[in-house]
Amino acid sequence: MKKDEISKLQEEQSAKVVERIRCINGEIDTLKLQEEMMWHPRSKQNWITTGDINTSFFHQKASLKERRNKIHSIQSEDGRSIHDDEGIEATFIDYFQRLFKSNSPHNFDVVLYMMQ
């Protein structure tokens, strides 16, 4: 209904009409927000009643989350594409070990003094 009214008003294009269009758009935004606020608790309630029990709904949600969060492949620093879980794990471990490893630590006294 509001969108039909906007379409009719857009044909006229006077200052008063433009202000009315802005007003109606604000009302539409408010209605959308109210609808979102109405559905939010209902979605939580649905999850509470059906999400934590051992149902197909629960397994579907868990499987979707697992698929979305899984790393399927990674490119190593030498350009190889690695697809198996063990290779991906080893690539991450190697990268971060080299990243946080110091080749020639020195000036420990300065660092330790600053920590006191």
Protein backbone atom coordinates (compact mmCIF):
# COMPACT_ATOMS: atom_id res chain seq x y z
CA MET A 1 0.00 0.00 0.00
CA LYS A 2 2.75 2.46 0.93
CA LYS A 3 4.77 1.58 -2.17
CA ASP A 4 1.73 2.22 -4.40
CA GLU A 5 1.33 5.64 -2.78
CA ILE A 6 5.01 6.41 -3.43
CA SER A 7 4.65 5.45 -7.09
CA LYS A 8 1.70 7.82 -7.51
CA LEU A 9 3.50 10.66 -5.74
CA GLN A 10 6.69 10.25 -7.78
CA GLU A 11 4.76 11.17 -10.89
CA GLU A 12 3.99 14.67 -9.53
CA GLN A 13 7.46 15.78 -8.22
CA SER A 14 6.66 18.91 -6.21
CA ALA A 15 8.46 19.92 -2.99
CA LYS A 16 5.46 18.85 -0.93
CA VAL A 17 5.36 15.50 -2.72
CA VAL A 18 9.07 14.91 -2.22
CA GLU A 19 8.65 15.52 1.53
CA ARG A 20 5.70 13.10 1.62
CA ILE A 21 7.83 10.48 -0.18
CA ARG A 22 10.55 10.88 2.45
CA CYS A 23 7.97 10.53 5.20
CA ILE A 24 6.50 7.36 3.69
CA ASN A 25 9.97 5.87 3.18
CA GLY A 26 10.63 6.50 6.89
CA GLU A 27 7.38 4.75 7.77
CA ILE A 28 8.38 1.78 5.60
CA ASP A 29 11.76 1.58 7.36
CA THR A 30 10.01 1.67 10.73
CA LEU A 31 7.62 -1.10 9.68
CA LYS A 32 10.51 -3.25 8.45
CA LEU A 33 12.32 -2.77 11.75
CA GLN A 34 9.19 -3.69 13.70
CA GLU A 35 8.77 -6.83 11.59
CA GLU A 36 12.40 -7.80 12.18
CA MET A 37 11.97 -7.24 15.91
CA MET A 38 8.84 -9.40 15.88
CA TRP A 39 10.56 -12.31 14.11
CA HIS A 40 13.82 -12.21 16.12
CA PRO A 41 12.38 -13.66 19.38
CA ARG A 42 10.35 -16.19 17.41
CA SER A 43 13.46 -17.49 15.66
CA LYS A 44 15.21 -17.81 19.03
CA GLN A 45 12.20 -19.62 20.44
CA ASN A 46 12.25 -22.01 17.47
CA TRP A 47 15.92 -22.72 18.13
CA ILE A 48 15.29 -23.26 21.85
CA THR A 49 12.42 -25.68 21.27
CA THR A 50 13.91 -27.63 18.37
CA GLY A 51 17.59 -26.77 18.19
CA ASP A 52 19.09 -28.45 21.22
CA ILE A 53 17.37 -31.79 20.94
CA ASN A 54 18.61 -34.56 18.71
CA THR A 55 16.45 -33.77 15.68
CA SER A 56 17.02 -33.43 11.97
CA PHE A 57 16.68 -29.65 12.46
CA PHE A 58 19.63 -29.66 14.87
CA HIS A 59 21.77 -31.87 12.60
CA GLN A 60 20.95 -29.71 9.58
CA LYS A 61 22.07 -26.53 11.39
CA ALA A 62 25.23 -28.20 12.73
CA SER A 63 26.15 -29.62 9.33
CA LEU A 64 25.63 -26.28 7.62
CA LYS A 65 27.86 -24.54 10.15
CA GLU A 66 30.55 -27.20 9.75
CA ARG A 67 30.51 -26.91 5.94
CA ARG A 68 30.70 -23.13 6.15
CA ASN A 69 33.62 -23.16 8.60
CA LYS A 70 35.72 -25.90 6.97
CA ILE A 71 38.89 -25.01 5.09
CA HIS A 72 38.83 -27.17 1.98
CA SER A 73 42.20 -26.17 0.52
CA ILE A 74 45.08 -23.81 1.09
CA GLN A 75 47.96 -22.58 -1.00
CA SER A 76 51.40 -23.07 0.53
CA GLU A 77 54.12 -20.43 0.32
CA ASP A 78 55.76 -22.30 -2.54
CA GLY A 79 52.51 -22.12 -4.55
CA ARG A 80 51.28 -25.70 -4.11
CA SER A 81 47.59 -26.26 -3.52
CA ILE A 82 46.98 -28.53 -0.52
CA HIS A 83 43.64 -30.29 -0.08
CA ASP A 84 44.05 -33.00 2.59
CA ASP A 85 43.41 -32.17 6.25
CA GLU A 86 46.84 -33.27 7.45
CA GLY A 87 48.60 -31.19 4.79
CA ILE A 88 46.52 -28.13 5.62
CA GLU A 89 47.29 -28.57 9.31
CA ALA A 90 51.02 -28.97 8.65
CA THR A 91 51.06 -25.88 6.41
CA PHE A 92 49.43 -23.75 9.11
CA ILE A 93 51.77 -25.04 11.82
CA ASP A 94 54.85 -24.48 9.68
CA TYR A 95 53.77 -20.96 8.71
CA PHE A 96 53.04 -19.78 12.24
CA GLN A 97 56.13 -21.43 13.73
CA ARG A 98 58.30 -19.56 11.24
CA LEU A 99 56.31 -16.36 11.74
CA PHE A 100 56.82 -16.26 15.51
CA LYS A 101 60.33 -17.72 15.61
CA SER A 102 63.23 -15.39 16.25
CA ASN A 103 66.46 -16.04 14.36
CA SER A 104 68.81 -14.07 16.58
CA PRO A 105 67.32 -12.92 19.86
CA HIS A 106 69.24 -10.23 21.70
CA ASN A 107 68.74 -7.25 24.05
CA PHE A 108 66.76 -9.30 26.58
CA ASP A 109 67.81 -6.92 29.34
CA VAL A 110 65.95 -4.00 27.74
CA VAL A 111 62.77 -6.04 27.29
CA LEU A 112 62.90 -7.50 30.78
CA TYR A 113 63.56 -4.07 32.29
CA MET A 114 60.46 -2.66 30.54
CA MET A 115 58.32 -5.48 31.92
CA GLN A 116 59.13 -4.69 35.58
